[in-house]
Protein backbone atom coordinates (compact mmCIF):
# COMPACT_ATOMS: atom_id res chain seq x y z
CA MET A 1 6.54 -191.45 -87.20
CA THR A 2 7.00 -188.27 -85.15
CA TYR A 3 7.28 -185.04 -87.14
CA ARG A 4 8.89 -181.84 -85.85
CA ILE A 5 9.90 -178.39 -87.06
CA VAL A 6 12.97 -176.85 -85.42
CA SER A 7 14.12 -173.29 -86.06
CA ASP A 8 16.79 -171.06 -84.65
CA SER A 9 15.54 -167.95 -82.89
CA THR A 10 16.04 -165.61 -85.85
CA SER A 11 12.63 -166.72 -87.14
CA ASN A 12 11.17 -164.56 -84.32
CA LEU A 13 8.69 -167.38 -83.70
CA PHE A 14 8.59 -169.24 -80.41
CA SER A 15 5.32 -171.09 -81.10
CA LEU A 16 3.06 -172.17 -83.96
CA SER A 17 -0.70 -172.53 -84.05
CA GLY A 18 -2.16 -175.99 -84.46
CA ASP A 19 -0.83 -179.40 -83.47
CA ILE A 20 2.54 -179.46 -85.25
CA ASP A 21 5.47 -180.02 -82.87
CA TYR A 22 7.67 -176.92 -83.08
CA ARG A 23 10.86 -176.06 -81.17
CA THR A 24 13.33 -173.17 -81.28
CA VAL A 25 17.04 -173.08 -80.51
CA PRO A 26 18.44 -169.74 -79.30
CA LEU A 27 21.30 -167.64 -80.57
CA LYS A 28 23.08 -165.38 -78.07
CA ILE A 29 24.07 -161.72 -78.02
CA LEU A 30 27.05 -160.46 -76.02
CA VAL A 31 26.99 -156.78 -74.95
CA ASP A 32 29.53 -155.32 -72.50
CA GLY A 33 30.42 -158.79 -71.26
CA ILE A 34 26.80 -159.81 -70.59
CA GLU A 35 25.28 -162.68 -72.57
CA TYR A 36 21.65 -162.36 -73.61
CA VAL A 37 19.94 -165.57 -74.70
CA ASP A 38 17.39 -165.09 -77.49
CA GLU A 39 14.50 -166.97 -75.93
CA PRO A 40 10.99 -166.23 -74.60
CA GLY A 41 11.14 -163.69 -71.81
CA LEU A 42 14.09 -161.71 -73.19
CA ASP A 43 13.40 -157.99 -72.76
CA THR A 44 14.16 -156.86 -76.31
CA GLU A 45 13.69 -153.17 -75.57
CA ALA A 46 16.19 -153.38 -72.69
CA LEU A 47 18.64 -155.24 -74.94
CA VAL A 48 18.39 -152.57 -77.64
CA ALA A 49 18.86 -149.81 -75.05
CA LYS A 50 21.93 -151.64 -73.72
CA MET A 51 23.42 -151.84 -77.21
CA GLU A 52 22.75 -148.16 -77.80
CA ALA A 53 24.38 -147.17 -74.50
CA SER A 54 27.45 -149.36 -75.02
CA GLN A 55 30.63 -147.70 -76.21
CA TRP A 56 32.03 -150.97 -77.46
CA GLY A 57 31.20 -153.46 -80.17
CA SER A 58 28.88 -156.36 -79.42
CA SER A 59 28.80 -159.86 -80.88
CA THR A 60 26.59 -162.88 -81.41
CA SER A 61 27.05 -166.64 -81.23
CA CYS A 62 25.18 -169.46 -82.91
CA PRO A 63 23.55 -172.46 -81.21
CA ALA A 64 25.90 -175.21 -80.10
CA ILE A 65 25.59 -178.63 -81.71
CA GLN A 66 24.24 -180.08 -78.46
CA GLU A 67 21.43 -177.52 -78.41
CA TRP A 68 20.29 -178.70 -81.83
CA LEU A 69 20.57 -182.32 -80.72
CA ASP A 70 18.40 -181.60 -77.69
CA ALA A 71 15.78 -180.03 -79.97
CA PHE A 72 15.85 -183.04 -82.33
CA GLU A 73 15.57 -185.64 -79.56
CA GLY A 74 12.51 -187.87 -79.79
CA ALA A 75 11.50 -186.99 -83.36
CA ASP A 76 11.80 -189.13 -86.50
CA TYR A 77 11.17 -186.69 -89.35
CA ILE A 78 12.59 -183.22 -88.76
CA PHE A 79 12.65 -180.03 -90.79
CA CYS A 80 15.18 -177.56 -89.44
CA VAL A 81 15.31 -173.91 -90.56
CA THR A 82 18.27 -171.61 -89.88
CA ILE A 83 19.34 -168.04 -90.50
CA THR A 84 21.40 -167.59 -93.67
CA SER A 85 24.79 -169.25 -93.54
CA GLY A 86 26.13 -165.97 -94.90
CA LEU A 87 25.65 -164.32 -91.50
CA SER A 88 25.98 -167.08 -88.93
CA GLY A 89 27.38 -170.52 -88.20
CA SER A 90 23.91 -171.71 -87.18
CA TYR A 91 23.41 -173.68 -90.41
CA ASN A 92 26.72 -175.53 -90.12
CA SER A 93 26.05 -176.29 -86.46
CA ALA A 94 22.66 -177.75 -87.40
CA LEU A 95 24.24 -179.85 -90.17
CA ASN A 96 26.74 -181.31 -87.70
CA ALA A 97 23.92 -182.07 -85.28
CA ARG A 98 21.94 -183.74 -88.07
CA ASP A 99 24.84 -186.05 -88.93
CA ILE A 100 25.28 -187.07 -85.29
CA TYR A 101 21.55 -187.58 -84.73
CA VAL A 102 21.06 -189.69 -87.86
CA SER A 103 24.09 -191.83 -86.99
CA GLU A 104 22.48 -192.55 -83.62
CA HIS A 105 18.95 -192.88 -85.03
CA PRO A 106 19.31 -194.49 -88.50
CA GLU A 107 15.55 -194.41 -89.07
CA ALA A 108 15.42 -190.62 -88.69
CA LYS A 109 15.30 -188.13 -91.56
CA ILE A 110 16.38 -184.51 -91.16
CA TYR A 111 16.32 -181.77 -93.77
CA VAL A 112 18.24 -178.64 -92.75
CA VAL A 113 17.06 -175.55 -94.62
CA ASP A 114 19.55 -172.74 -95.12
CA SER A 115 16.97 -169.97 -95.39
CA LEU A 116 19.54 -167.70 -97.07
CA SER A 117 17.61 -165.10 -95.12
CA THR A 118 16.17 -164.36 -91.69
CA GLY A 119 13.06 -163.03 -89.95
CA GLY A 120 9.96 -162.82 -92.11
CA GLU A 121 11.23 -165.05 -94.91
CA MET A 122 12.04 -167.77 -92.39
CA GLU A 123 8.48 -167.49 -91.10
CA LEU A 124 7.14 -168.10 -94.61
CA ILE A 125 9.32 -171.20 -95.01
CA ILE A 126 8.20 -172.54 -91.63
CA GLU A 127 4.56 -171.98 -92.57
CA LYS A 128 5.04 -173.92 -95.81
CA ILE A 129 6.67 -176.81 -93.92
CA LYS A 130 3.75 -176.79 -91.47
CA GLU A 131 1.34 -176.94 -94.41
CA CYS A 132 3.16 -179.98 -95.82
CA MET A 133 3.07 -181.74 -92.45
CA GLU A 134 -0.64 -181.03 -92.01
CA LYS A 135 -1.23 -182.67 -95.39
CA ASP A 136 0.83 -185.67 -94.21
CA LEU A 137 2.99 -185.54 -97.33
CA PRO A 138 5.90 -187.97 -97.72
CA PHE A 139 9.15 -186.53 -96.39
CA GLU A 140 10.92 -186.43 -99.76
CA GLU A 141 7.95 -184.75 -101.45
CA ALA A 142 7.86 -182.11 -98.72
CA VAL A 143 11.58 -181.45 -99.25
CA GLN A 144 10.99 -180.83 -102.96
CA ILE A 145 8.10 -178.48 -102.21
CA ILE A 146 10.21 -176.46 -99.76
CA GLN A 147 13.11 -176.24 -102.19
CA ASP A 148 10.79 -174.93 -104.90
CA TYR A 149 9.05 -172.55 -102.50
CA GLN A 150 12.34 -170.93 -101.54
CA THR A 151 12.75 -169.77 -105.15
CA HIS A 152 9.56 -167.74 -104.71
CA THR A 153 10.29 -166.01 -101.39
CA HIS A 154 12.35 -162.88 -100.81
CA LEU A 155 13.51 -160.57 -98.03
CA LEU A 156 13.81 -156.80 -97.77
CA PHE A 157 14.92 -154.82 -94.73
CA THR A 158 15.03 -151.18 -93.67
CA LEU A 159 17.46 -149.65 -91.18
CA GLU A 160 16.87 -146.40 -89.32
CA SER A 161 20.04 -146.64 -87.24
CA LEU A 162 23.59 -147.64 -88.13
CA SER A 163 24.91 -147.25 -84.59
CA ASN A 164 25.55 -150.91 -83.89
CA LEU A 165 27.07 -151.45 -87.34
CA ALA A 166 29.45 -148.55 -86.67
CA LYS A 167 30.48 -149.91 -83.26
CA ASN A 168 31.25 -153.27 -84.86
CA GLY A 169 33.33 -151.74 -87.63
CA ARG A 170 30.85 -152.44 -90.46
CA VAL A 171 30.39 -148.75 -91.37
CA SER A 172 32.20 -145.53 -90.52
CA PRO A 173 31.04 -143.83 -87.29
CA ALA A 174 30.94 -140.56 -89.24
CA VAL A 175 28.60 -142.08 -91.83
CA ALA A 176 26.35 -143.44 -89.08
CA LYS A 177 26.19 -140.04 -87.38
CA VAL A 178 25.41 -138.12 -90.57
CA ALA A 179 22.75 -140.66 -91.57
CA GLY A 180 21.04 -140.17 -88.21
CA LEU A 181 21.16 -136.38 -88.41
CA LEU A 182 19.74 -136.30 -91.95
CA GLY A 183 17.04 -138.90 -91.32
CA ILE A 184 18.52 -141.25 -93.90
CA ARG A 185 17.16 -144.80 -94.02
CA PHE A 186 18.71 -147.75 -95.79
CA LEU A 187 16.65 -150.24 -97.79
CA GLY A 188 18.37 -153.55 -98.45
CA ARG A 189 17.65 -157.08 -99.58
CA ALA A 190 18.89 -160.62 -99.11
CA SER A 191 20.74 -161.85 -102.19
CA GLU A 192 20.28 -165.28 -103.75
CA GLU A 193 23.50 -166.28 -101.97
CA GLY A 194 22.16 -165.21 -98.58
CA THR A 195 24.20 -162.05 -98.16
CA LEU A 196 22.71 -158.66 -97.30
CA GLN A 197 22.89 -156.01 -100.01
CA GLN A 198 22.00 -152.32 -100.04
CA ALA A 199 19.25 -151.51 -102.53
CA HIS A 200 18.38 -147.84 -101.93
CA ILE A 201 19.08 -144.88 -99.67
CA CYS A 202 15.86 -143.14 -98.61
CA ARG A 203 15.20 -139.80 -96.93
CA GLY A 204 12.55 -139.97 -94.23
CA PRO A 205 10.05 -142.64 -93.15
CA LYS A 206 7.38 -141.99 -95.82
CA LYS A 207 9.84 -142.35 -98.68
CA THR A 208 11.23 -145.50 -97.08
CA LEU A 209 7.80 -147.14 -97.00
CA THR A 210 6.87 -146.25 -100.57
CA MET A 211 10.28 -147.36 -101.83
CA SER A 212 9.95 -150.62 -99.88
CA PHE A 213 6.65 -151.44 -101.55
CA SER A 214 7.97 -150.42 -104.98
CA GLU A 215 10.94 -152.75 -104.50
CA MET A 216 8.60 -155.60 -103.51
CA VAL A 217 6.63 -155.15 -106.73
CA LYS A 218 9.84 -154.90 -108.74
CA MET A 219 10.90 -158.25 -107.25
CA GLY A 220 7.65 -159.89 -108.36
CA TYR A 221 5.16 -159.33 -105.56
CA LYS A 222 1.57 -159.79 -106.79
CA GLY A 223 -0.49 -160.05 -103.61
CA GLY A 224 0.95 -163.12 -101.90
CA LYS A 225 1.87 -163.53 -98.25
CA VAL A 226 3.93 -160.88 -96.47
CA ARG A 227 5.51 -161.31 -93.03
CA ILE A 228 6.70 -158.00 -91.53
CA HIS A 229 9.02 -158.16 -88.50
CA HIS A 230 10.02 -154.94 -86.76
CA CYS A 231 12.36 -153.74 -84.03
CA LEU A 232 10.32 -151.50 -81.71
CA ASN A 233 8.54 -149.90 -84.67
CA GLN A 234 4.96 -151.16 -84.69
CA ALA A 235 3.69 -147.91 -86.25
CA SER A 236 5.82 -148.12 -89.40
CA ALA A 237 5.16 -151.85 -89.72
CA GLU A 238 1.41 -151.20 -89.65
CA LYS A 239 1.80 -148.41 -92.22
CA LEU A 240 3.65 -150.77 -94.54
CA LYS A 241 0.94 -153.38 -94.02
CA ASN A 242 -1.78 -150.85 -94.85
CA LEU A 243 0.12 -149.69 -97.93
CA ILE A 244 0.27 -153.27 -99.20
CA LEU A 245 -3.41 -153.86 -98.44
CA SER A 246 -4.40 -150.65 -100.23
CA GLU A 247 -3.12 -152.24 -103.46
CA TYR A 248 -3.87 -155.88 -102.62
CA PRO A 249 -6.87 -155.93 -100.24
CA HIS A 250 -6.94 -159.72 -99.94
CA ALA A 251 -3.22 -160.18 -99.22
CA ASP A 252 -2.21 -162.18 -96.14
CA VAL A 253 -0.03 -159.67 -94.26
CA THR A 254 1.04 -160.02 -90.62
CA VAL A 255 3.17 -157.93 -88.26
CA THR A 256 5.49 -159.49 -85.65
CA PRO A 257 8.02 -157.93 -83.22
CA CYS A 258 11.64 -158.95 -83.65
CA THR A 259 13.17 -160.96 -80.84
CA GLY A 260 16.76 -160.52 -79.67
CA LEU A 261 18.97 -161.57 -82.57
CA CYS A 262 16.97 -159.85 -85.31
CA SER A 263 16.81 -156.73 -83.12
CA TYR A 264 20.60 -156.87 -82.95
CA TYR A 265 20.79 -156.64 -86.74
CA ALA A 266 17.78 -154.39 -87.42
CA GLU A 267 18.38 -151.96 -84.52
CA ARG A 268 15.68 -149.63 -83.22
CA GLY A 269 13.16 -148.75 -85.92
CA GLY A 270 14.35 -151.36 -88.39
CA MET A 271 12.07 -153.74 -90.27
CA ILE A 272 12.70 -157.14 -91.87
CA PHE A 273 9.96 -158.40 -94.18
CA GLY A 274 9.61 -161.56 -96.21
CA PHE A 275 7.19 -161.97 -99.11
CA GLU A 276 6.16 -164.31 -101.91
CA ASP A 277 6.61 -163.35 -105.56
CA TYR A 278 3.08 -164.35 -106.50
């Protein structure tokens, strides 16, 4: 049997180490009538600059069913991971593709994971699937392991800019402007239902980092894996990593740049980090 992991591009991962077959399916971002495909080679910094310069709202679109089908083609056992269904139609598109693929390939098995999250938490889920595949576990056993693992992973995010949210009518332009002038950052989390919720308002970068770590501990973090994804903010991501390691020196903490879609949500300076609660 041929095993494969397929993710949409909000995982910010275009490749995996080792021999596991891994594919990504891109989401798209539309800014001023130009479509940007979230795939390797996309100039994320140019995309962010374009969004900042635009006077109009921008939008995103999820992968088409055929794009998922193309990514499934040739595999027998497939684990598919998508951004939370609370933000995108990617999950539903993948489910439709699964039904079509299995009807055409009755021997195939596909488990579509609604991450109820994005970015770093998706990376953790993908790593756990990879671990199951490397152990050659039965498909159904791997599904149970992933379902249990999802109850032990969480996502926090920080926003330095609300500009794009204001342009798209999510927050008042006046609020976005005042927040920028006062150096206000927003710390939020993904809920159990996969929606994004505000947790704290922080003043300045140092307070944001300390509050982020405090919130992780409050949510059960005890030194497990952390996957930090950032939008053009390597310095703050490294500071958060070092803060975590100062308390948990043996923790597995990595830093990864956001690709297009997560940069759309995080905006310049934002961070999206997933972690385990053990």
